[in-house]
Amino acid sequence: MTHLIVIPRATEKAYAQVQNNVYVFTVPTTANKQEIAAAIEAQFEVKVERIKTLVQSGKALRFSRGKNRYPGSTTRKDSKKAYVTLAQGDSIQVFDTPDAKEEKK
């Protein structure tokens, strides 16, 4: 079994999904749902119920080498997101840390 690196996405939209027991991760574009589920269960010791994945196309960029000559364009790398629904009662503490800081204030 290959070891995947799954990175939690730290965005407002991702934090809002936590209330629905859905966690958002950035995963390699070559990973499939079974590999992602196995990696999350091993890394965070939770039970994965469902996974939705999407590949976000890289943005197109324009660049110039010189003032008016050799214009060109390229694209950024594609990225893949995994929306992971956990079993009832499971949670991942990585996403819960900001709430704990707010309560102490």
PDB file of N, CA and C in Angstrom:
ATOM      1  N   MET A   1       0.842  -1.187   0.000  1.00  0.00           N
ATOM      2  CA  MET A   1       0.000   0.000   0.000  1.00  0.00           C
ATOM      3  C   MET A   1       0.883   1.244   0.000  1.00  0.00           C
ATOM      4  N   THR A   2       0.566   2.178  -0.849  1.00  0.00           N
ATOM      5  CA  THR A   2       1.330   3.414  -0.894  1.00  0.00           C
ATOM      6  C   THR A   2       0.833   4.369   0.178  1.00  0.00           C
ATOM      7  N   HIS A   3       1.740   5.171   0.671  1.00  0.00           N
ATOM      8  CA  HIS A   3       1.391   6.130   1.713  1.00  0.00           C
ATOM      9  C   HIS A   3       1.103   7.480   1.073  1.00  0.00           C
ATOM     10  N   LEU A   4      -0.129   7.924   1.147  1.00  0.00           N
ATOM     11  CA  LEU A   4      -0.525   9.208   0.582  1.00  0.00           C
ATOM     12  C   LEU A   4      -0.386  10.304   1.618  1.00  0.00           C
ATOM     13  N   ILE A   5      -0.082  11.491   1.150  1.00  0.00           N
ATOM     14  CA  ILE A   5      -0.065  12.653   2.021  1.00  0.00           C
ATOM     15  C   ILE A   5      -1.345  13.436   1.757  1.00  0.00           C
ATOM     16  N   VAL A   6      -2.204  13.518   2.763  1.00  0.00           N
ATOM     17  CA  VAL A   6      -3.436  14.297   2.653  1.00  0.00           C
ATOM     18  C   VAL A   6      -3.277  15.515   3.547  1.00  0.00           C
ATOM     19  N   ILE A   7      -3.593  16.685   3.006  1.00  0.00           N
ATOM     20  CA  ILE A   7      -3.397  17.948   3.707  1.00  0.00           C
ATOM     21  C   ILE A   7      -4.766  18.602   3.919  1.00  0.00           C
ATOM     22  N   PRO A   8      -5.134  18.898   5.159  1.00  0.00           N
ATOM     23  CA  PRO A   8      -6.409  19.599   5.394  1.00  0.00           C
ATOM     24  C   PRO A   8      -6.377  20.995   4.773  1.00  0.00           C
ATOM     25  N   ARG A   9      -7.485  21.396   4.155  1.00  0.00           N
ATOM     26  CA  ARG A   9      -7.574  22.731   3.569  1.00  0.00           C
ATOM     27  C   ARG A   9      -8.042  23.716   4.628  1.00  0.00           C
ATOM     28  N   ALA A  10      -7.276  24.772   4.822  1.00  0.00           N
ATOM     29  CA  ALA A  10      -7.578  25.772   5.845  1.00  0.00           C
ATOM     30  C   ALA A  10      -8.254  26.974   5.198  1.00  0.00           C
ATOM     31  N   THR A  11      -9.514  26.803   4.821  1.00  0.00           N
ATOM     32  CA  THR A  11     -10.281  27.898   4.235  1.00  0.00           C
ATOM     33  C   THR A  11     -11.571  28.060   5.016  1.00  0.00           C
ATOM     34  N   GLU A  12     -12.216  29.190   4.850  1.00  0.00           N
ATOM     35  CA  GLU A  12     -13.481  29.438   5.548  1.00  0.00           C
ATOM     36  C   GLU A  12     -14.556  28.445   5.108  1.00  0.00           C
ATOM     37  N   LYS A  13     -14.579  28.141   3.827  1.00  0.00           N
ATOM     38  CA  LYS A  13     -15.574  27.204   3.313  1.00  0.00           C
ATOM     39  C   LYS A  13     -15.347  25.811   3.909  1.00  0.00           C
ATOM     40  N   ALA A  14     -14.074  25.410   4.040  1.00  0.00           N
ATOM     41  CA  ALA A  14     -13.760  24.102   4.612  1.00  0.00           C
ATOM     42  C   ALA A  14     -14.167  24.042   6.079  1.00  0.00           C
ATOM     43  N   TYR A  15     -13.921  25.128   6.826  1.00  0.00           N
ATOM     44  CA  TYR A  15     -14.320  25.161   8.238  1.00  0.00           C
ATOM     45  C   TYR A  15     -15.837  25.123   8.387  1.00  0.00           C
ATOM     46  N   ALA A  16     -16.559  25.747   7.466  1.00  0.00           N
ATOM     47  CA  ALA A  16     -18.023  25.736   7.540  1.00  0.00           C
ATOM     48  C   ALA A  16     -18.571  24.334   7.301  1.00  0.00           C
ATOM     49  N   GLN A  17     -17.896  23.535   6.483  1.00  0.00           N
ATOM     50  CA  GLN A  17     -18.348  22.173   6.204  1.00  0.00           C
ATOM     51  C   GLN A  17     -18.228  21.251   7.413  1.00  0.00           C
ATOM     52  N   VAL A  18     -17.371  21.611   8.382  1.00  0.00           N
ATOM     53  CA  VAL A  18     -17.143  20.757   9.560  1.00  0.00           C
ATOM     54  C   VAL A  18     -18.445  20.562  10.337  1.00  0.00           C
ATOM     55  N   GLN A  19     -19.325  21.545  10.329  1.00  0.00           N
ATOM     56  CA  GLN A  19     -20.590  21.424  11.053  1.00  0.00           C
ATOM     57  C   GLN A  19     -21.477  20.339  10.453  1.00  0.00           C
ATOM     58  N   ASN A  20     -21.273  19.997   9.182  1.00  0.00           N
ATOM     59  CA  ASN A  20     -22.012  18.915   8.527  1.00  0.00           C
ATOM     60  C   ASN A  20     -21.240  17.605   8.581  1.00  0.00           C
ATOM     61  N   ASN A  21     -20.149  17.561   9.370  1.00  0.00           N
ATOM     62  CA  ASN A  21     -19.291  16.385   9.511  1.00  0.00           C
ATOM     63  C   ASN A  21     -18.588  16.048   8.193  1.00  0.00           C
ATOM     64  N   VAL A  22     -18.290  17.099   7.398  1.00  0.00           N
ATOM     65  CA  VAL A  22     -17.571  16.948   6.133  1.00  0.00           C
ATOM     66  C   VAL A  22     -16.245  17.696   6.266  1.00  0.00           C
ATOM     67  N   TYR A  23     -15.164  17.018   5.932  1.00  0.00           N
ATOM     68  CA  TYR A  23     -13.828  17.591   6.030  1.00  0.00           C
ATOM     69  C   TYR A  23     -13.217  17.649   4.637  1.00  0.00           C
ATOM     70  N   VAL A  24     -12.478  18.724   4.346  1.00  0.00           N
ATOM     71  CA  VAL A  24     -11.934  18.946   3.012  1.00  0.00           C
ATOM     72  C   VAL A  24     -10.416  18.788   3.065  1.00  0.00           C
ATOM     73  N   PHE A  25      -9.873  17.996   2.135  1.00  0.00           N
ATOM     74  CA  PHE A  25      -8.446  17.742   2.069  1.00  0.00           C
ATOM     75  C   PHE A  25      -7.930  17.990   0.658  1.00  0.00           C
ATOM     76  N   THR A  26      -6.661  18.389   0.572  1.00  0.00           N
ATOM     77  CA  THR A  26      -5.966  18.438  -0.703  1.00  0.00           C
ATOM     78  C   THR A  26      -5.221  17.119  -0.849  1.00  0.00           C
ATOM     79  N   VAL A  27      -5.417  16.438  -1.972  1.00  0.00           N
ATOM     80  CA  VAL A  27      -4.829  15.117  -2.179  1.00  0.00           C
ATOM     81  C   VAL A  27      -4.101  15.093  -3.525  1.00  0.00           C
ATOM     82  N   PRO A  28      -3.217  14.121  -3.747  1.00  0.00           N
ATOM     83  CA  PRO A  28      -2.559  14.011  -5.055  1.00  0.00           C
ATOM     84  C   PRO A  28      -3.577  13.717  -6.159  1.00  0.00           C
ATOM     85  N   THR A  29      -3.320  14.230  -7.344  1.00  0.00           N
ATOM     86  CA  THR A  29      -4.274  14.053  -8.444  1.00  0.00           C
ATOM     87  C   THR A  29      -4.352  12.601  -8.912  1.00  0.00           C
ATOM     88  N   THR A  30      -3.359  11.785  -8.595  1.00  0.00           N
ATOM     89  CA  THR A  30      -3.354  10.395  -9.036  1.00  0.00           C
ATOM     90  C   THR A  30      -4.081   9.465  -8.066  1.00  0.00           C
ATOM     91  N   ALA A  31      -4.482   9.967  -6.902  1.00  0.00           N
ATOM     92  CA  ALA A  31      -5.105   9.119  -5.878  1.00  0.00           C
ATOM     93  C   ALA A  31      -6.567   8.852  -6.207  1.00  0.00           C
ATOM     94  N   ASN A  32      -7.027   7.611  -5.910  1.00  0.00           N
ATOM     95  CA  ASN A  32      -8.445   7.305  -6.078  1.00  0.00           C
ATOM     96  C   ASN A  32      -9.130   7.317  -4.710  1.00  0.00           C
ATOM     97  N   LYS A  33     -10.441   7.139  -4.687  1.00  0.00           N
ATOM     98  CA  LYS A  33     -11.209   7.275  -3.456  1.00  0.00           C
ATOM     99  C   LYS A  33     -10.821   6.240  -2.401  1.00  0.00           C
ATOM    100  N   GLN A  34     -10.535   5.012  -2.831  1.00  0.00           N
ATOM    101  CA  GLN A  34     -10.167   3.969  -1.875  1.00  0.00           C
ATOM    102  C   GLN A  34      -8.835   4.291  -1.205  1.00  0.00           C
ATOM    103  N   GLU A  35      -7.875   4.781  -1.967  1.00  0.00           N
ATOM    104  CA  GLU A  35      -6.575   5.154  -1.399  1.00  0.00           C
ATOM    105  C   GLU A  35      -6.702   6.334  -0.447  1.00  0.00           C
ATOM    106  N   ILE A  36      -7.543   7.302  -0.805  1.00  0.00           N
ATOM    107  CA  ILE A  36      -7.747   8.469   0.056  1.00  0.00           C
ATOM    108  C   ILE A  36      -8.392   8.040   1.370  1.00  0.00           C
ATOM    109  N   ALA A  37      -9.414   7.184   1.293  1.00  0.00           N
ATOM    110  CA  ALA A  37     -10.089   6.719   2.503  1.00  0.00           C
ATOM    111  C   ALA A  37      -9.127   5.973   3.408  1.00  0.00           C
ATOM    112  N   ALA A  38      -8.306   5.105   2.839  1.00  0.00           N
ATOM    113  CA  ALA A  38      -7.346   4.347   3.643  1.00  0.00           C
ATOM    114  C   ALA A  38      -6.330   5.272   4.301  1.00  0.00           C
ATOM    115  N   ALA A  39      -5.864   6.294   3.581  1.00  0.00           N
ATOM    116  CA  ALA A  39      -4.880   7.222   4.130  1.00  0.00           C
ATOM    117  C   ALA A  39      -5.465   8.043   5.276  1.00  0.00           C
ATOM    118  N   ILE A  40      -6.707   8.512   5.119  1.00  0.00           N
ATOM    119  CA  ILE A  40      -7.338   9.322   6.162  1.00  0.00           C
ATOM    120  C   ILE A  40      -7.626   8.472   7.398  1.00  0.00           C
ATOM    121  N   GLU A  41      -8.108   7.245   7.194  1.00  0.00           N
ATOM    122  CA  GLU A  41      -8.375   6.367   8.335  1.00  0.00           C
ATOM    123  C   GLU A  41      -7.090   6.040   9.085  1.00  0.00           C
ATOM    124  N   ALA A  42      -5.984   5.852   8.364  1.00  0.00           N
ATOM    125  CA  ALA A  42      -4.718   5.536   9.019  1.00  0.00           C
ATOM    126  C   ALA A  42      -4.115   6.760   9.710  1.00  0.00           C
ATOM    127  N   GLN A  43      -4.205   7.913   9.081  1.00  0.00           N
ATOM    128  CA  GLN A  43      -3.550   9.113   9.607  1.00  0.00           C
ATOM    129  C   GLN A  43      -4.310   9.716  10.787  1.00  0.00           C
ATOM    130  N   PHE A  44      -5.647   9.747  10.718  1.00  0.00           N
ATOM    131  CA  PHE A  44      -6.433  10.429  11.746  1.00  0.00           C
ATOM    132  C   PHE A  44      -7.225   9.472  12.640  1.00  0.00           C
ATOM    133  N   GLU A  45      -7.173   8.168  12.377  1.00  0.00           N
ATOM    134  CA  GLU A  45      -7.849   7.138  13.176  1.00  0.00           C
ATOM    135  C   GLU A  45      -9.349   7.406  13.313  1.00  0.00           C
ATOM    136  N   VAL A  46     -10.004   7.610  12.179  1.00  0.00           N
ATOM    137  CA  VAL A  46     -11.447   7.820  12.113  1.00  0.00           C
ATOM    138  C   VAL A  46     -12.031   6.872  11.077  1.00  0.00           C
ATOM    139  N   LYS A  47     -13.366   6.761  11.043  1.00  0.00           N
ATOM    140  CA  LYS A  47     -14.061   5.909  10.080  1.00  0.00           C
ATOM    141  C   LYS A  47     -14.648   6.798   8.989  1.00  0.00           C
ATOM    142  N   VAL A  48     -14.245   6.544   7.744  1.00  0.00           N
ATOM    143  CA  VAL A  48     -14.726   7.327   6.600  1.00  0.00           C
ATOM    144  C   VAL A  48     -16.006   6.695   6.075  1.00  0.00           C
ATOM    145  N   GLU A  49     -17.029   7.536   5.902  1.00  0.00           N
ATOM    146  CA  GLU A  49     -18.321   7.045   5.419  1.00  0.00           C
ATOM    147  C   GLU A  49     -18.475   7.259   3.912  1.00  0.00           C
ATOM    148  N   ARG A  50     -18.080   8.445   3.426  1.00  0.00           N
ATOM    149  CA  ARG A  50     -18.268   8.769   2.002  1.00  0.00           C
ATOM    150  C   ARG A  50     -17.217   9.787   1.569  1.00  0.00           C
ATOM    151  N   ILE A  51     -16.826   9.720   0.296  1.00  0.00           N
ATOM    152  CA  ILE A  51     -15.850  10.665  -0.256  1.00  0.00           C
ATOM    153  C   ILE A  51     -16.354  11.186  -1.593  1.00  0.00           C
ATOM    154  N   LYS A  52     -16.268  12.487  -1.759  1.00  0.00           N
ATOM    155  CA  LYS A  52     -16.509  13.112  -3.055  1.00  0.00           C
ATOM    156  C   LYS A  52     -15.204  13.780  -3.460  1.00  0.00           C
ATOM    157  N   THR A  53     -14.802  13.608  -4.704  1.00  0.00           N
ATOM    158  CA  THR A  53     -13.565  14.216  -5.168  1.00  0.00           C
ATOM    159  C   THR A  53     -13.838  15.120  -6.357  1.00  0.00           C
ATOM    160  N   LEU A  54     -12.961  16.102  -6.524  1.00  0.00           N
ATOM    161  CA  LEU A  54     -13.031  16.953  -7.704  1.00  0.00           C
ATOM    162  C   LEU A  54     -11.635  17.409  -8.064  1.00  0.00           C
ATOM    163  N   VAL A  55     -11.395  17.552  -9.354  1.00  0.00           N
ATOM    164  CA  VAL A  55     -10.111  18.049  -9.843  1.00  0.00           C
ATOM    165  C   VAL A  55     -10.325  19.483 -10.291  1.00  0.00           C
ATOM    166  N   GLN A  56      -9.567  20.387  -9.679  1.00  0.00           N
ATOM    167  CA  GLN A  56      -9.669  21.798 -10.015  1.00  0.00           C
ATOM    168  C   GLN A  56      -8.595  22.108 -11.051  1.00  0.00           C
ATOM    169  N   SER A  57      -9.003  22.589 -12.217  1.00  0.00           N
ATOM    170  CA  SER A  57      -8.064  22.887 -13.290  1.00  0.00           C
ATOM    171  C   SER A  57      -7.169  24.049 -12.896  1.00  0.00           C
ATOM    172  N   GLY A  58      -5.901  23.970 -13.301  1.00  0.00           N
ATOM    173  CA  GLY A  58      -4.965  25.051 -13.017  1.00  0.00           C
ATOM    174  C   GLY A  58      -5.311  26.294 -13.818  1.00  0.00           C
ATOM    175  N   LYS A  59      -5.091  27.447 -13.214  1.00  0.00           N
ATOM    176  CA  LYS A  59      -5.399  28.704 -13.881  1.00  0.00           C
ATOM    177  C   LYS A  59      -4.458  28.945 -15.056  1.00  0.00           C
ATOM    178  N   ALA A  60      -4.953  29.588 -16.081  1.00  0.00           N
ATOM    179  CA  ALA A  60      -4.124  29.976 -17.221  1.00  0.00           C
ATOM    180  C   ALA A  60      -3.355  31.244 -16.861  1.00  0.00           C
ATOM    181  N   LEU A  61      -2.074  31.256 -17.178  1.00  0.00           N
ATOM    182  CA  LEU A  61      -1.232  32.412 -16.893  1.00  0.00           C
ATOM    183  C   LEU A  61      -0.620  32.915 -18.186  1.00  0.00           C
ATOM    184  N   ARG A  62      -0.530  34.227 -18.305  1.00  0.00           N
ATOM    185  CA  ARG A  62       0.159  34.815 -19.444  1.00  0.00           C
ATOM    186  C   ARG A  62       1.484  35.367 -18.953  1.00  0.00           C
ATOM    187  N   PHE A  63       2.502  35.262 -19.772  1.00  0.00           N
ATOM    188  CA  PHE A  63       3.793  35.806 -19.388  1.00  0.00           C
ATOM    189  C   PHE A  63       4.466  36.405 -20.608  1.00  0.00           C
ATOM    190  N   SER A  64       5.475  37.209 -20.358  1.00  0.00           N
ATOM    191  CA  SER A  64       6.176  37.877 -21.444  1.00  0.00           C
ATOM    192  C   SER A  64       7.677  37.801 -21.165  1.00  0.00           C
ATOM    193  N   ARG A  65       8.416  37.423 -22.190  1.00  0.00           N
ATOM    194  CA  ARG A  65       9.880  37.456 -22.085  1.00  0.00           C
ATOM    195  C   ARG A  65      10.348  38.627 -22.936  1.00  0.00           C
ATOM    196  N   GLY A  66      10.424  39.781 -22.357  1.00  0.00           N
ATOM    197  CA  GLY A  66      10.756  40.978 -23.120  1.00  0.00           C
ATOM    198  C   GLY A  66       9.530  41.859 -23.230  1.00  0.00           C
ATOM    199  N   LYS A  67       9.707  43.017 -23.841  1.00  0.00           N
ATOM    200  CA  LYS A  67       8.615  43.985 -23.852  1.00  0.00           C
ATOM    201  C   LYS A  67       7.457  43.545 -24.744  1.00  0.00           C
ATOM    202  N   ASN A  68       7.709  43.336 -26.026  1.00  0.00           N
ATOM    203  CA  ASN A  68       6.610  42.997 -26.932  1.00  0.00           C
ATOM    204  C   ASN A  68       6.818  41.691 -27.672  1.00  0.00           C
ATOM    205  N   ARG A  69       7.915  41.027 -27.445  1.00  0.00           N
ATOM    206  CA  ARG A  69       8.176  39.823 -28.222  1.00  0.00           C
ATOM    207  C   ARG A  69       8.039  38.584 -27.355  1.00  0.00           C
ATOM    208  N   TYR A  70       7.858  37.472 -27.980  1.00  0.00           N
ATOM    209  CA  TYR A  70       7.737  36.165 -27.341  1.00  0.00           C
ATOM    210  C   TYR A  70       6.647  36.093 -26.277  1.00  0.00           C
ATOM    211  N   PRO A  71       5.449  36.558 -26.563  1.00  0.00           N
ATOM    212  CA  PRO A  71       4.409  36.379 -25.546  1.00  0.00           C
ATOM    213  C   PRO A  71       4.072  34.895 -25.439  1.00  0.00           C
ATOM    214  N   GLY A  72       3.645  34.494 -24.296  1.00  0.00           N
ATOM    215  CA  GLY A  72       3.327  33.088 -24.133  1.00  0.00           C
ATOM    216  C   GLY A  72       2.294  32.889 -23.045  1.00  0.00           C
ATOM    217  N   SER A  73       1.844  31.679 -22.924  1.00  0.00           N
ATOM    218  CA  SER A  73       0.908  31.362 -21.853  1.00  0.00           C
ATOM    219  C   SER A  73       1.202  29.952 -21.361  1.00  0.00           C
ATOM    220  N   THR A  74       0.845  29.719 -20.140  1.00  0.00           N
ATOM    221  CA  THR A  74       1.017  28.410 -19.514  1.00  0.00           C
ATOM    222  C   THR A  74      -0.105  28.229 -18.511  1.00  0.00           C
ATOM    223  N   THR A  75      -0.146  27.101 -17.855  1.00  0.00           N
ATOM    224  CA  THR A  75      -1.163  26.881 -16.829  1.00  0.00           C
ATOM    225  C   THR A  75      -0.498  26.397 -15.560  1.00  0.00           C
ATOM    226  N   ARG A  76      -1.118  26.701 -14.434  1.00  0.00           N
ATOM    227  CA  ARG A  76      -0.662  26.170 -13.158  1.00  0.00           C
ATOM    228  C   ARG A  76      -1.050  24.707 -13.068  1.00  0.00           C
ATOM    229  N   LYS A  77      -0.498  24.011 -12.093  1.00  0.00           N
ATOM    230  CA  LYS A  77      -0.799  22.594 -11.940  1.00  0.00           C
ATOM    231  C   LYS A  77      -2.242  22.405 -11.484  1.00  0.00           C
ATOM    232  N   ASP A  78      -2.859  21.313 -11.925  1.00  0.00           N
ATOM    233  CA  ASP A  78      -4.190  20.955 -11.451  1.00  0.00           C
ATOM    234  C   ASP A  78      -4.075  20.496 -10.002  1.00  0.00           C
ATOM    235  N   SER A  79      -5.160  20.683  -9.239  1.00  0.00           N
ATOM    236  CA  SER A  79      -5.177  20.211  -7.861  1.00  0.00           C
ATOM    237  C   SER A  79      -6.444  19.394  -7.641  1.00  0.00           C
ATOM    238  N   LYS A  80      -6.383  18.488  -6.681  1.00  0.00           N
ATOM    239  CA  LYS A  80      -7.517  17.611  -6.404  1.00  0.00           C
ATOM    240  C   LYS A  80      -7.947  17.792  -4.959  1.00  0.00           C
ATOM    241  N   LYS A  81      -9.256  17.930  -4.761  1.00  0.00           N
ATOM    242  CA  LYS A  81      -9.821  18.071  -3.423  1.00  0.00           C
ATOM    243  C   LYS A  81     -10.657  16.846  -3.113  1.00  0.00           C
ATOM    244  N   ALA A  82     -10.685  16.480  -1.842  1.00  0.00           N
ATOM    245  CA  ALA A  82     -11.526  15.375  -1.392  1.00  0.00           C
ATOM    246  C   ALA A  82     -12.420  15.883  -0.275  1.00  0.00           C
ATOM    247  N   TYR A  83     -13.717  15.753  -0.466  1.00  0.00           N
ATOM    248  CA  TYR A  83     -14.699  16.084   0.567  1.00  0.00           C
ATOM    249  C   TYR A  83     -15.040  14.780   1.277  1.00  0.00           C
ATOM    250  N   VAL A  84     -14.606  14.650   2.526  1.00  0.00           N
ATOM    251  CA  VAL A  84     -14.706  13.390   3.259  1.00  0.00           C
ATOM    252  C   VAL A  84     -15.786  13.516   4.331  1.00  0.00           C
ATOM    253  N   THR A  85     -16.781  12.639   4.272  1.00  0.00           N
ATOM    254  CA  THR A  85     -17.811  12.567   5.301  1.00  0.00           C
ATOM    255  C   THR A  85     -17.420  11.459   6.264  1.00  0.00           C
ATOM    256  N   LEU A  86     -17.352  11.790   7.547  1.00  0.00           N
ATOM    257  CA  LEU A  86     -16.963  10.812   8.559  1.00  0.00           C
ATOM    258  C   LEU A  86     -18.194  10.151   9.159  1.00  0.00           C
ATOM    259  N   ALA A  87     -17.975   8.998   9.786  1.00  0.00           N
ATOM    260  CA  ALA A  87     -19.054   8.294  10.474  1.00  0.00           C
ATOM    261  C   ALA A  87     -19.545   9.146  11.637  1.00  0.00           C
ATOM    262  N   GLN A  88     -20.775   8.917  12.048  1.00  0.00           N
ATOM    263  CA  GLN A  88     -21.386   9.690  13.131  1.00  0.00           C
ATOM    264  C   GLN A  88     -20.559   9.541  14.404  1.00  0.00           C
ATOM    265  N   GLY A  89     -20.239  10.659  15.050  1.00  0.00           N
ATOM    266  CA  GLY A  89     -19.475  10.627  16.285  1.00  0.00           C
ATOM    267  C   GLY A  89     -17.977  10.826  16.094  1.00  0.00           C
ATOM    268  N   ASP A  90     -17.454  10.649  14.883  1.00  0.00           N
ATOM    269  CA  ASP A  90     -16.030  10.865  14.630  1.00  0.00           C
ATOM    270  C   ASP A  90     -15.777  12.325  14.271  1.00  0.00           C
ATOM    271  N   SER A  91     -14.598  12.819  14.631  1.00  0.00           N
ATOM    272  CA  SER A  91     -14.189  14.165  14.234  1.00  0.00           C
ATOM    273  C   SER A  91     -12.675  14.200  14.154  1.00  0.00           C
ATOM    274  N   ILE A  92     -12.168  15.204  13.476  1.00  0.00           N
ATOM    275  CA  ILE A  92     -10.729  15.385  13.322  1.00  0.00           C
ATOM    276  C   ILE A  92     -10.358  16.661  14.065  1.00  0.00           C
ATOM    277  N   GLN A  93      -9.407  16.574  14.970  1.00  0.00           N
ATOM    278  CA  GLN A  93      -9.067  17.692  15.843  1.00  0.00           C
ATOM    279  C   GLN A  93      -8.342  18.825  15.122  1.00  0.00           C
ATOM    280  N   VAL A  94      -7.777  18.569  13.954  1.00  0.00           N
ATOM    281  CA  VAL A  94      -7.051  19.613  13.226  1.00  0.00           C
ATOM    282  C   VAL A  94      -7.974  20.784  12.928  1.00  0.00           C
ATOM    283  N   PHE A  95      -9.230  20.508  12.637  1.00  0.00           N
ATOM    284  CA  PHE A  95     -10.171  21.555  12.260  1.00  0.00           C
ATOM    285  C   PHE A  95     -10.812  22.219  13.476  1.00  0.00           C
ATOM    286  N   ASP A  96     -10.702  21.619  14.656  1.00  0.00           N
ATOM    287  CA  ASP A  96     -11.374  22.150  15.833  1.00  0.00           C
ATOM    288  C   ASP A  96     -10.540  23.152  16.610  1.00  0.00           C
ATOM    289  N   THR A  97      -9.275  23.349  16.278  1.00  0.00           N
ATOM    290  CA  THR A  97      -8.402  24.214  17.070  1.00  0.00           C
ATOM    291  C   THR A  97      -8.832  25.679  17.106  1.00  0.00           C
ATOM    292  N   PRO A  98      -9.333  26.338  16.040  1.00  0.00           N
ATOM    293  CA  PRO A  98      -9.708  27.748  16.149  1.00  0.00           C
ATOM    294  C   PRO A  98     -10.861  27.981  17.127  1.00  0.00           C
ATOM    295  N   ASP A  99     -11.811  27.055  17.223  1.00  0.00           N
ATOM    296  CA  ASP A  99     -12.931  27.224  18.140  1.00  0.00           C
ATOM    297  C   ASP A  99     -12.447  27.250  19.579  1.00  0.00           C
ATOM    298  N   ALA A 100     -11.485  26.404  19.922  1.00  0.00           N
ATOM    299  CA  ALA A 100     -10.974  26.342  21.273  1.00  0.00           C
ATOM    300  C   ALA A 100     -10.287  27.653  21.657  1.00  0.00           C
ATOM    301  N   LYS A 101      -9.587  28.287  20.718  1.00  0.00           N
ATOM    302  CA  LYS A 101      -8.908  29.552  20.996  1.00  0.00           C
ATOM    303  C   LYS A 101      -9.924  30.671  21.228  1.00  0.00           C
ATOM    304  N   GLU A 102     -11.023  30.673  20.508  1.00  0.00           N
ATOM    305  CA  GLU A 102     -12.031  31.716  20.640  1.00  0.00           C
ATOM    306  C   GLU A 102     -12.732  31.626  21.988  1.00  0.00           C
ATOM    307  N   GLU A 103     -12.954  30.409  22.493  1.00  0.00           N
ATOM    308  CA  GLU A 103     -13.656  30.243  23.764  1.00  0.00           C
ATOM    309  C   GLU A 103     -12.830  30.767  24.936  1.00  0.00           C
ATOM    310  N   LYS A 104     -11.518  30.710  24.837  1.00  0.00           N
ATOM    311  CA  LYS A 104     -10.646  31.166  25.923  1.00  0.00           C
ATOM    312  C   LYS A 104     -10.632  32.676  26.065  1.00  0.00           C
ATOM    313  N   LYS A 105     -10.945  33.413  25.007  1.00  0.00           N
ATOM    314  CA  LYS A 105     -10.864  34.887  25.044  1.00  0.00           C
ATOM    315  C   LYS A 105     -11.912  35.501  25.917  1.00  0.00           C
TER     316      LYS A 105
END
